Amino acid sequence: NELLKLILINKELCKIIFNEKNSAYVLNTVLNSAHDITIAEIKKQLPN
């Protein structure tokens, strides 16, 4: 929610940053910062 609020506050800049060419890379970088924590949580739900 905070990430989305930051995008909304910086709407025009984010439209440039998150254009078709760059958006997957930028958002992927942000989401990958939580990789290890997310994997651990998934593992709890899918122990096998």
All heavy atoms as atom14 arrays in JSON, in Angstrom:
{
  "sequence": "NELLKLILINKELCKIIFNEKNSAYVLNTVLNSAHDITIAEIKKQLPN",
  "atom14_mask": [
    [1, 1, 1, 1, 1, 1, 1, 1, 0, 0, 0, 0, 0, 0],
    [1, 1, 1, 1, 1, 1, 1, 1, 1, 0, 0, 0, 0, 0],
    [1, 1, 1, 1, 1, 1, 1, 1, 0, 0, 0, 0, 0, 0],
    [1, 1, 1, 1, 1, 1, 1, 1, 0, 0, 0, 0, 0, 0],
    [1, 1, 1, 1, 1, 1, 1, 1, 1, 0, 0, 0, 0, 0],
    [1, 1, 1, 1, 1, 1, 1, 1, 0, 0, 0, 0, 0, 0],
    [1, 1, 1, 1, 1, 1, 1, 1, 0, 0, 0, 0, 0, 0],
    [1, 1, 1, 1, 1, 1, 1, 1, 0, 0, 0, 0, 0, 0],
    [1, 1, 1, 1, 1, 1, 1, 1, 0, 0, 0, 0, 0, 0],
    [1, 1, 1, 1, 1, 1, 1, 1, 0, 0, 0, 0, 0, 0],
    [1, 1, 1, 1, 1, 1, 1, 1, 1, 0, 0, 0, 0, 0],
    [1, 1, 1, 1, 1, 1, 1, 1, 1, 0, 0, 0, 0, 0],
    [1, 1, 1, 1, 1, 1, 1, 1, 0, 0, 0, 0, 0, 0],
    [1, 1, 1, 1, 1, 1, 0, 0, 0, 0, 0, 0, 0, 0],
    [1, 1, 1, 1, 1, 1, 1, 1, 1, 0, 0, 0, 0, 0],
    [1, 1, 1, 1, 1, 1, 1, 1, 0, 0, 0, 0, 0, 0],
    [1, 1, 1, 1, 1, 1, 1, 1, 0, 0, 0, 0, 0, 0],
    [1, 1, 1, 1, 1, 1, 1, 1, 1, 1, 1, 0, 0, 0],
    [1, 1, 1, 1, 1, 1, 1, 1, 0, 0, 0, 0, 0, 0],
    [1, 1, 1, 1, 1, 1, 1, 1, 1, 0, 0, 0, 0, 0],
    [1, 1, 1, 1, 1, 1, 1, 1, 1, 0, 0, 0, 0, 0],
    [1, 1, 1, 1, 1, 1, 1, 1, 0, 0, 0, 0, 0, 0],
    [1, 1, 1, 1, 1, 1, 0, 0, 0, 0, 0, 0, 0, 0],
    [1, 1, 1, 1, 1, 0, 0, 0, 0, 0, 0, 0, 0, 0],
    [1, 1, 1, 1, 1, 1, 1, 1, 1, 1, 1, 1, 0, 0],
    [1, 1, 1, 1, 1, 1, 1, 0, 0, 0, 0, 0, 0, 0],
    [1, 1, 1, 1, 1, 1, 1, 1, 0, 0, 0, 0, 0, 0],
    [1, 1, 1, 1, 1, 1, 1, 1, 0, 0, 0, 0, 0, 0],
    [1, 1, 1, 1, 1, 1, 1, 0, 0, 0, 0, 0, 0, 0],
    [1, 1, 1, 1, 1, 1, 1, 0, 0, 0, 0, 0, 0, 0],
    [1, 1, 1, 1, 1, 1, 1, 1, 0, 0, 0, 0, 0, 0],
    [1, 1, 1, 1, 1, 1, 1, 1, 0, 0, 0, 0, 0, 0],
    [1, 1, 1, 1, 1, 1, 0, 0, 0, 0, 0, 0, 0, 0],
    [1, 1, 1, 1, 1, 0, 0, 0, 0, 0, 0, 0, 0, 0],
    [1, 1, 1, 1, 1, 1, 1, 1, 1, 1, 0, 0, 0, 0],
    [1, 1, 1, 1, 1, 1, 1, 1, 0, 0, 0, 0, 0, 0],
    [1, 1, 1, 1, 1, 1, 1, 1, 0, 0, 0, 0, 0, 0],
    [1, 1, 1, 1, 1, 1, 1, 0, 0, 0, 0, 0, 0, 0],
    [1, 1, 1, 1, 1, 1, 1, 1, 0, 0, 0, 0, 0, 0],
    [1, 1, 1, 1, 1, 0, 0, 0, 0, 0, 0, 0, 0, 0],
    [1, 1, 1, 1, 1, 1, 1, 1, 1, 0, 0, 0, 0, 0],
    [1, 1, 1, 1, 1, 1, 1, 1, 0, 0, 0, 0, 0, 0],
    [1, 1, 1, 1, 1, 1, 1, 1, 1, 0, 0, 0, 0, 0],
    [1, 1, 1, 1, 1, 1, 1, 1, 1, 0, 0, 0, 0, 0],
    [1, 1, 1, 1, 1, 1, 1, 1, 1, 0, 0, 0, 0, 0],
    [1, 1, 1, 1, 1, 1, 1, 1, 0, 0, 0, 0, 0, 0],
    [1, 1, 1, 1, 1, 1, 1, 0, 0, 0, 0, 0, 0, 0],
    [1, 1, 1, 1, 1, 1, 1, 1, 0, 0, 0, 0, 0, 0]
  ],
  "atom14_positions": [
    [[0.83, -1.21, 0.0], [0.0, 0.0, 0.0], [0.86, 1.25, 0.0], [0.58, 2.22, -0.72], [-0.95, -0.02, 1.19], [-2.12, 0.91, 1.0], [-2.56, 1.16, -0.12], [-2.63, 1.43, 2.09], [0.0, 0.0, 0.0], [0.0, 0.0, 0.0], [0.0, 0.0, 0.0], [0.0, 0.0, 0.0], [0.0, 0.0, 0.0], [0.0, 0.0, 0.0]],
    [[1.93, 1.26, 0.77], [2.83, 2.42, 0.81], [3.54, 2.61, -0.54], [3.7, 3.74, -1.0], [3.86, 2.27, 1.94], [3.25, 2.4, 3.33], [2.56, 3.73, 3.56], [3.2, 4.78, 3.35], [1.37, 3.72, 3.94], [0.0, 0.0, 0.0], [0.0, 0.0, 0.0], [0.0, 0.0, 0.0], [0.0, 0.0, 0.0], [0.0, 0.0, 0.0]],
    [[3.94, 1.51, -1.17], [4.56, 1.59, -2.49], [3.59, 2.22, -3.49], [3.96, 3.11, -4.25], [4.98, 0.19, -2.97], [5.48, 0.09, -4.41], [6.76, 0.89, -4.6], [5.68, -1.37, -4.79], [0.0, 0.0, 0.0], [0.0, 0.0, 0.0], [0.0, 0.0, 0.0], [0.0, 0.0, 0.0], [0.0, 0.0, 0.0], [0.0, 0.0, 0.0]],
    [[2.35, 1.77, -3.46], [1.34, 2.33, -4.38], [1.08, 3.8, -4.1], [0.91, 4.6, -5.03], [0.05, 1.52, -4.3], [0.15, 0.08, -4.8], [-1.14, -0.67, -4.52], [0.51, 0.01, -6.26], [0.0, 0.0, 0.0], [0.0, 0.0, 0.0], [0.0, 0.0, 0.0], [0.0, 0.0, 0.0], [0.0, 0.0, 0.0], [0.0, 0.0, 0.0]],
    [[1.07, 4.17, -2.83], [0.87, 5.58, -2.48], [2.03, 6.44, -2.99], [1.81, 7.55, -3.48], [0.72, 5.75, -0.97], [-0.62, 5.3, -0.44], [-0.69, 5.46, 1.06], [-2.0, 4.95, 1.61], [-2.05, 5.02, 3.07], [0.0, 0.0, 0.0], [0.0, 0.0, 0.0], [0.0, 0.0, 0.0], [0.0, 0.0, 0.0], [0.0, 0.0, 0.0]],
    [[3.25, 5.93, -2.87], [4.41, 6.66, -3.4], [4.32, 6.83, -4.92], [4.65, 7.89, -5.45], [5.71, 5.95, -3.03], [6.15, 6.07, -1.58], [7.34, 5.15, -1.32], [6.5, 7.5, -1.24], [0.0, 0.0, 0.0], [0.0, 0.0, 0.0], [0.0, 0.0, 0.0], [0.0, 0.0, 0.0], [0.0, 0.0, 0.0], [0.0, 0.0, 0.0]],
    [[3.88, 5.79, -5.59], [3.69, 5.88, -7.04], [2.64, 6.94, -7.35], [2.83, 7.77, -8.25], [3.3, 4.51, -7.63], [4.48, 3.54, -7.53], [2.83, 4.65, -9.08], [4.14, 2.09, -7.87], [0.0, 0.0, 0.0], [0.0, 0.0, 0.0], [0.0, 0.0, 0.0], [0.0, 0.0, 0.0], [0.0, 0.0, 0.0], [0.0, 0.0, 0.0]],
    [[1.55, 6.93, -6.61], [0.47, 7.89, -6.84], [0.91, 9.33, -6.58], [0.62, 10.23, -7.37], [-0.73, 7.54, -5.94], [-2.03, 8.29, -6.19], [-2.51, 8.08, -7.62], [-3.1, 7.83, -5.22], [0.0, 0.0, 0.0], [0.0, 0.0, 0.0], [0.0, 0.0, 0.0], [0.0, 0.0, 0.0], [0.0, 0.0, 0.0], [0.0, 0.0, 0.0]],
    [[1.67, 9.54, -5.53], [2.17, 10.89, -5.2], [3.09, 11.4, -6.31], [3.08, 12.58, -6.64], [2.91, 10.87, -3.85], [1.91, 10.68, -2.7], [3.71, 12.15, -3.65], [2.57, 10.37, -1.37], [0.0, 0.0, 0.0], [0.0, 0.0, 0.0], [0.0, 0.0, 0.0], [0.0, 0.0, 0.0], [0.0, 0.0, 0.0], [0.0, 0.0, 0.0]],
    [[3.87, 10.51, -6.88], [4.82, 10.86, -7.94], [4.32, 10.37, -9.3], [5.07, 9.83, -10.11], [6.19, 10.24, -7.62], [6.73, 10.76, -6.31], [7.11, 11.9, -6.21], [6.74, 9.9, -5.3], [0.0, 0.0, 0.0], [0.0, 0.0, 0.0], [0.0, 0.0, 0.0], [0.0, 0.0, 0.0], [0.0, 0.0, 0.0], [0.0, 0.0, 0.0]],
    [[3.05, 10.6, -9.54], [2.34, 10.06, -10.7], [3.04, 10.3, -12.04], [3.28, 9.36, -12.79], [0.93, 10.67, -10.71], [-0.01, 10.09, -11.67], [-1.38, 10.75, -11.46], [-2.44, 10.09, -12.28], [-3.77, 10.62, -11.98], [0.0, 0.0, 0.0], [0.0, 0.0, 0.0], [0.0, 0.0, 0.0], [0.0, 0.0, 0.0], [0.0, 0.0, 0.0]],
    [[3.36, 11.54, -12.34], [3.95, 11.84, -13.64], [5.33, 11.23, -13.81], [5.65, 10.68, -14.86], [3.99, 13.36, -13.87], [2.62, 14.01, -13.95], [1.7, 13.34, -14.98], [2.16, 13.08, -16.1], [0.53, 13.07, -14.65], [0.0, 0.0, 0.0], [0.0, 0.0, 0.0], [0.0, 0.0, 0.0], [0.0, 0.0, 0.0], [0.0, 0.0, 0.0]],
    [[6.14, 11.31, -12.78], [7.47, 10.7, -12.84], [7.35, 9.19, -12.99], [8.08, 8.57, -13.79], [8.27, 11.06, -11.59], [9.66, 10.45, -11.48], [10.55, 10.89, -12.63], [10.29, 10.82, -10.14], [0.0, 0.0, 0.0], [0.0, 0.0, 0.0], [0.0, 0.0, 0.0], [0.0, 0.0, 0.0], [0.0, 0.0, 0.0], [0.0, 0.0, 0.0]],
    [[6.43, 8.59, -12.27], [6.28, 7.14, -12.32], [5.77, 6.66, -13.67], [6.12, 5.57, -14.11], [5.36, 6.66, -11.2], [6.18, 6.74, -9.59], [0.0, 0.0, 0.0], [0.0, 0.0, 0.0], [0.0, 0.0, 0.0], [0.0, 0.0, 0.0], [0.0, 0.0, 0.0], [0.0, 0.0, 0.0], [0.0, 0.0, 0.0], [0.0, 0.0, 0.0]],
    [[4.98, 7.48, -14.34], [4.53, 7.1, -15.68], [5.73, 6.98, -16.62], [5.76, 6.14, -17.5], [3.54, 8.12, -16.22], [2.16, 7.97, -15.63], [1.22, 8.97, -16.27], [-0.16, 8.86, -15.69], [-1.09, 9.82, -16.29], [0.0, 0.0, 0.0], [0.0, 0.0, 0.0], [0.0, 0.0, 0.0], [0.0, 0.0, 0.0], [0.0, 0.0, 0.0]],
    [[6.71, 7.82, -16.41], [7.93, 7.77, -17.23], [8.79, 6.57, -16.82], [9.23, 5.78, -17.65], [8.74, 9.08, -17.09], [7.94, 10.25, -17.68], [10.11, 8.95, -17.77], [8.5, 11.62, -17.33], [0.0, 0.0, 0.0], [0.0, 0.0, 0.0], [0.0, 0.0, 0.0], [0.0, 0.0, 0.0], [0.0, 0.0, 0.0], [0.0, 0.0, 0.0]],
    [[8.99, 6.41, -15.52], [9.83, 5.33, -15.01], [9.22, 3.97, -15.32], [9.91, 3.03, -15.7], [10.06, 5.48, -13.49], [10.91, 6.72, -13.21], [10.72, 4.23, -12.91], [11.02, 7.05, -11.74], [0.0, 0.0, 0.0], [0.0, 0.0, 0.0], [0.0, 0.0, 0.0], [0.0, 0.0, 0.0], [0.0, 0.0, 0.0], [0.0, 0.0, 0.0]],
    [[7.91, 3.86, -15.15], [7.23, 2.58, -15.32], [6.63, 2.42, -16.71], [5.63, 1.74, -16.87], [6.15, 2.4, -14.26], [6.66, 2.36, -12.86], [6.23, 3.27, -11.92], [7.59, 1.41, -12.47], [6.7, 3.23, -10.62], [8.06, 1.37, -11.17], [7.61, 2.28, -10.25], [0.0, 0.0, 0.0], [0.0, 0.0, 0.0], [0.0, 0.0, 0.0]],
    [[7.25, 3.01, -17.71], [6.75, 2.82, -19.07], [6.93, 1.36, -19.46], [7.56, 0.58, -18.76], [7.41, 3.78, -20.06], [8.89, 3.51, -20.22], [9.36, 2.4, -20.06], [9.65, 4.54, -20.53], [0.0, 0.0, 0.0], [0.0, 0.0, 0.0], [0.0, 0.0, 0.0], [0.0, 0.0, 0.0], [0.0, 0.0, 0.0], [0.0, 0.0, 0.0]],
    [[6.39, 0.97, -20.59], [6.45, -0.42, -21.03], [7.87, -0.99, -21.04], [8.09, -2.14, -20.74], [5.83, -0.56, -22.42], [4.33, -0.36, -22.45], [3.57, -1.41, -21.64], [3.92, -2.6, -21.72], [2.63, -1.02, -20.93], [0.0, 0.0, 0.0], [0.0, 0.0, 0.0], [0.0, 0.0, 0.0], [0.0, 0.0, 0.0], [0.0, 0.0, 0.0]],
    [[8.83, -0.16, -21.38], [10.21, -0.63, -21.5], [10.86, -0.88, -20.14], [11.62, -1.82, -19.97], [11.02, 0.41, -22.29], [12.44, -0.02, -22.58], [13.15, 1.02, -23.41], [14.58, 0.61, -23.67], [15.3, 1.63, -24.41], [0.0, 0.0, 0.0], [0.0, 0.0, 0.0], [0.0, 0.0, 0.0], [0.0, 0.0, 0.0], [0.0, 0.0, 0.0]],
    [[10.57, -0.02, -19.16], [11.27, -0.07, -17.88], [10.49, -0.7, -16.74], [11.09, -1.12, -15.76], [11.66, 1.33, -17.43], [12.61, 2.0, -18.38], [13.47, 1.37, -18.95], [12.44, 3.3, -18.56], [0.0, 0.0, 0.0], [0.0, 0.0, 0.0], [0.0, 0.0, 0.0], [0.0, 0.0, 0.0], [0.0, 0.0, 0.0], [0.0, 0.0, 0.0]],
    [[9.17, -0.74, -16.82], [8.37, -1.05, -15.64], [8.68, -2.41, -15.03], [8.79, -2.53, -13.82], [6.89, -0.94, -15.93], [6.48, -1.9, -16.86], [0.0, 0.0, 0.0], [0.0, 0.0, 0.0], [0.0, 0.0, 0.0], [0.0, 0.0, 0.0], [0.0, 0.0, 0.0], [0.0, 0.0, 0.0], [0.0, 0.0, 0.0], [0.0, 0.0, 0.0]],
    [[8.8, -3.44, -15.84], [9.06, -4.76, -15.27], [10.37, -4.78, -14.51], [10.46, -5.34, -13.42], [9.06, -5.82, -16.38], [0.0, 0.0, 0.0], [0.0, 0.0, 0.0], [0.0, 0.0, 0.0], [0.0, 0.0, 0.0], [0.0, 0.0, 0.0], [0.0, 0.0, 0.0], [0.0, 0.0, 0.0], [0.0, 0.0, 0.0], [0.0, 0.0, 0.0]],
    [[11.39, -4.14, -15.05], [12.7, -4.11, -14.39], [12.61, -3.37, -13.05], [13.08, -3.87, -12.03], [13.74, -3.45, -15.29], [15.07, -3.26, -14.59], [15.93, -4.34, -14.39], [15.43, -2.02, -14.08], [17.12, -4.18, -13.72], [16.64, -1.86, -13.41], [17.47, -2.93, -13.24], [18.65, -2.77, -12.55], [0.0, 0.0, 0.0], [0.0, 0.0, 0.0]],
    [[12.01, -2.18, -13.05], [11.94, -1.37, -11.83], [11.11, -2.08, -10.76], [11.56, -2.22, -9.62], [11.35, 0.03, -12.13], [11.13, 0.81, -10.85], [12.25, 0.79, -13.09], [0.0, 0.0, 0.0], [0.0, 0.0, 0.0], [0.0, 0.0, 0.0], [0.0, 0.0, 0.0], [0.0, 0.0, 0.0], [0.0, 0.0, 0.0], [0.0, 0.0, 0.0]],
    [[9.92, -2.53, -11.12], [9.06, -3.19, -10.14], [9.67, -4.51, -9.67], [9.59, -4.86, -8.49], [7.67, -3.41, -10.71], [6.85, -2.14, -10.93], [5.6, -2.44, -11.73], [6.5, -1.49, -9.6], [0.0, 0.0, 0.0], [0.0, 0.0, 0.0], [0.0, 0.0, 0.0], [0.0, 0.0, 0.0], [0.0, 0.0, 0.0], [0.0, 0.0, 0.0]],
    [[10.29, -5.23, -10.58], [10.94, -6.48, -10.21], [12.06, -6.25, -9.21], [12.23, -7.02, -8.26], [11.47, -7.19, -11.47], [11.65, -8.66, -11.27], [11.04, -9.25, -10.42], [12.48, -9.25, -12.09], [0.0, 0.0, 0.0], [0.0, 0.0, 0.0], [0.0, 0.0, 0.0], [0.0, 0.0, 0.0], [0.0, 0.0, 0.0], [0.0, 0.0, 0.0]],
    [[12.81, -5.19, -9.38], [13.88, -4.84, -8.45], [13.3, -4.58, -7.06], [13.84, -5.06, -6.05], [14.66, -3.6, -8.95], [15.22, -3.91, -10.22], [15.76, -3.21, -7.98], [0.0, 0.0, 0.0], [0.0, 0.0, 0.0], [0.0, 0.0, 0.0], [0.0, 0.0, 0.0], [0.0, 0.0, 0.0], [0.0, 0.0, 0.0], [0.0, 0.0, 0.0]],
    [[12.21, -3.84, -7.01], [11.56, -3.54, -5.72], [11.06, -4.83, -5.08], [11.32, -5.09, -3.9], [10.4, -2.54, -5.91], [9.59, -2.38, -4.63], [10.92, -1.19, -6.38], [0.0, 0.0, 0.0], [0.0, 0.0, 0.0], [0.0, 0.0, 0.0], [0.0, 0.0, 0.0], [0.0, 0.0, 0.0], [0.0, 0.0, 0.0], [0.0, 0.0, 0.0]],
    [[10.35, -5.64, -5.83], [9.79, -6.87, -5.26], [10.86, -7.88, -4.88], [10.73, -8.6, -3.9], [8.79, -7.49, -6.24], [7.52, -6.67, -6.45], [6.68, -7.28, -7.57], [6.7, -6.55, -5.18], [0.0, 0.0, 0.0], [0.0, 0.0, 0.0], [0.0, 0.0, 0.0], [0.0, 0.0, 0.0], [0.0, 0.0, 0.0], [0.0, 0.0, 0.0]],
    [[11.94, -7.94, -5.65], [13.02, -8.88, -5.33], [13.76, -8.53, -4.05], [14.42, -9.38, -3.47], [14.01, -8.99, -6.5], [13.53, -9.96, -7.54], [12.79, -10.89, -7.26], [13.97, -9.76, -8.77], [0.0, 0.0, 0.0], [0.0, 0.0, 0.0], [0.0, 0.0, 0.0], [0.0, 0.0, 0.0], [0.0, 0.0, 0.0], [0.0, 0.0, 0.0]],
    [[13.61, -7.3, -3.6], [14.24, -6.92, -2.34], [13.65, -7.71, -1.17], [14.28, -7.86, -0.13], [14.12, -5.42, -2.09], [12.77, -5.06, -1.89], [0.0, 0.0, 0.0], [0.0, 0.0, 0.0], [0.0, 0.0, 0.0], [0.0, 0.0, 0.0], [0.0, 0.0, 0.0], [0.0, 0.0, 0.0], [0.0, 0.0, 0.0], [0.0, 0.0, 0.0]],
    [[12.46, -8.25, -1.35], [11.81, -9.05, -0.31], [11.87, -10.55, -0.63], [11.14, -11.34, -0.04], [10.36, -8.61, -0.17], [0.0, 0.0, 0.0], [0.0, 0.0, 0.0], [0.0, 0.0, 0.0], [0.0, 0.0, 0.0], [0.0, 0.0, 0.0], [0.0, 0.0, 0.0], [0.0, 0.0, 0.0], [0.0, 0.0, 0.0], [0.0, 0.0, 0.0]],
    [[12.77, -10.94, -1.53], [12.86, -12.32, -2.0], [12.97, -13.34, -0.87], [12.15, -14.26, -0.77], [14.03, -12.47, -2.96], [14.27, -13.87, -3.4], [15.08, -14.73, -2.71], [13.78, -14.57, -4.45], [15.09, -15.9, -3.3], [14.32, -15.82, -4.38], [0.0, 0.0, 0.0], [0.0, 0.0, 0.0], [0.0, 0.0, 0.0], [0.0, 0.0, 0.0]],
    [[13.97, -13.22, -0.03], [14.23, -14.23, 1.0], [13.09, -14.35, 1.99], [12.7, -15.46, 2.38], [15.54, -13.93, 1.73], [16.76, -14.06, 0.82], [16.63, -14.67, -0.27], [17.82, -13.53, 1.18], [0.0, 0.0, 0.0], [0.0, 0.0, 0.0], [0.0, 0.0, 0.0], [0.0, 0.0, 0.0], [0.0, 0.0, 0.0], [0.0, 0.0, 0.0]],
    [[12.54, -13.22, 2.4], [11.41, -13.24, 3.33], [10.2, -13.89, 2.69], [9.51, -14.71, 3.31], [11.07, -11.8, 3.79], [12.23, -11.24, 4.61], [9.78, -11.75, 4.58], [12.15, -9.75, 4.87], [0.0, 0.0, 0.0], [0.0, 0.0, 0.0], [0.0, 0.0, 0.0], [0.0, 0.0, 0.0], [0.0, 0.0, 0.0], [0.0, 0.0, 0.0]],
    [[9.95, -13.55, 1.44], [8.8, -14.11, 0.73], [8.95, -15.62, 0.52], [8.0, -16.38, 0.73], [8.62, -13.4, -0.63], [8.52, -12.0, -0.41], [7.37, -13.9, -1.34], [0.0, 0.0, 0.0], [0.0, 0.0, 0.0], [0.0, 0.0, 0.0], [0.0, 0.0, 0.0], [0.0, 0.0, 0.0], [0.0, 0.0, 0.0], [0.0, 0.0, 0.0]],
    [[10.14, -16.05, 0.13], [10.39, -17.49, -0.05], [10.14, -18.23, 1.27], [9.52, -19.3, 1.28], [11.82, -17.76, -0.58], [11.96, -17.28, -2.02], [12.2, -19.23, -0.44], [11.24, -18.1, -3.07], [0.0, 0.0, 0.0], [0.0, 0.0, 0.0], [0.0, 0.0, 0.0], [0.0, 0.0, 0.0], [0.0, 0.0, 0.0], [0.0, 0.0, 0.0]],
    [[10.6, -17.67, 2.37], [10.39, -18.3, 3.69], [8.9, -18.42, 4.01], [8.46, -19.45, 4.55], [11.12, -17.5, 4.77], [0.0, 0.0, 0.0], [0.0, 0.0, 0.0], [0.0, 0.0, 0.0], [0.0, 0.0, 0.0], [0.0, 0.0, 0.0], [0.0, 0.0, 0.0], [0.0, 0.0, 0.0], [0.0, 0.0, 0.0], [0.0, 0.0, 0.0]],
    [[8.14, -17.39, 3.68], [6.69, -17.43, 3.93], [6.0, -18.45, 3.04], [5.12, -19.18, 3.49], [6.08, -16.04, 3.72], [6.44, -15.05, 4.8], [6.02, -15.5, 6.2], [4.89, -16.02, 6.36], [6.83, -15.37, 7.13], [0.0, 0.0, 0.0], [0.0, 0.0, 0.0], [0.0, 0.0, 0.0], [0.0, 0.0, 0.0], [0.0, 0.0, 0.0]],
    [[6.4, -18.51, 1.78], [5.81, -19.5, 0.87], [6.13, -20.91, 1.36], [5.27, -21.79, 1.35], [6.33, -19.29, -0.58], [5.88, -17.94, -1.13], [5.85, -20.43, -1.49], [6.57, -17.55, -2.44], [0.0, 0.0, 0.0], [0.0, 0.0, 0.0], [0.0, 0.0, 0.0], [0.0, 0.0, 0.0], [0.0, 0.0, 0.0], [0.0, 0.0, 0.0]],
    [[7.36, -21.09, 1.84], [7.78, -22.41, 2.33], [6.94, -22.86, 3.52], [6.65, -24.04, 3.66], [9.27, -22.38, 2.68], [9.88, -23.74, 2.85], [11.38, -23.66, 2.92], [11.94, -25.04, 2.77], [13.33, -25.04, 2.42], [0.0, 0.0, 0.0], [0.0, 0.0, 0.0], [0.0, 0.0, 0.0], [0.0, 0.0, 0.0], [0.0, 0.0, 0.0]],
    [[6.54, -21.92, 4.35], [5.67, -22.26, 5.49], [4.33, -22.79, 4.99], [3.76, -23.7, 5.59], [5.44, -21.04, 6.38], [6.62, -20.64, 7.2], [6.3, -19.4, 8.02], [7.51, -18.82, 8.7], [7.19, -17.55, 9.39], [0.0, 0.0, 0.0], [0.0, 0.0, 0.0], [0.0, 0.0, 0.0], [0.0, 0.0, 0.0], [0.0, 0.0, 0.0]],
    [[3.83, -22.19, 3.92], [2.54, -22.59, 3.37], [2.63, -23.84, 2.5], [1.67, -24.59, 2.39], [1.95, -21.44, 2.53], [1.62, -20.2, 3.32], [0.47, -20.41, 4.28], [-0.5, -21.07, 3.97], [0.59, -19.85, 5.48], [0.0, 0.0, 0.0], [0.0, 0.0, 0.0], [0.0, 0.0, 0.0], [0.0, 0.0, 0.0], [0.0, 0.0, 0.0]],
    [[3.78, -24.05, 1.88], [4.01, -25.19, 1.0], [5.24, -25.96, 1.47], [6.28, -25.96, 0.8], [4.2, -24.72, -0.45], [3.07, -23.89, -1.06], [3.47, -23.31, -2.4], [1.81, -24.75, -1.2], [0.0, 0.0, 0.0], [0.0, 0.0, 0.0], [0.0, 0.0, 0.0], [0.0, 0.0, 0.0], [0.0, 0.0, 0.0], [0.0, 0.0, 0.0]],
    [[5.16, -26.62, 2.62], [6.36, -27.24, 3.21], [6.97, -28.35, 2.36], [8.15, -28.65, 2.5], [5.86, -27.78, 4.55], [4.39, -27.88, 4.42], [3.97, -26.85, 3.43], [0.0, 0.0, 0.0], [0.0, 0.0, 0.0], [0.0, 0.0, 0.0], [0.0, 0.0, 0.0], [0.0, 0.0, 0.0], [0.0, 0.0, 0.0], [0.0, 0.0, 0.0]],
    [[6.21, -28.96, 1.47], [6.74, -30.03, 0.64], [7.36, -29.54, -0.66], [7.9, -30.34, -1.43], [5.64, -31.05, 0.33], [5.14, -31.74, 1.58], [5.89, -31.95, 2.53], [3.86, -32.08, 1.6], [0.0, 0.0, 0.0], [0.0, 0.0, 0.0], [0.0, 0.0, 0.0], [0.0, 0.0, 0.0], [0.0, 0.0, 0.0], [0.0, 0.0, 0.0]]
  ]
}
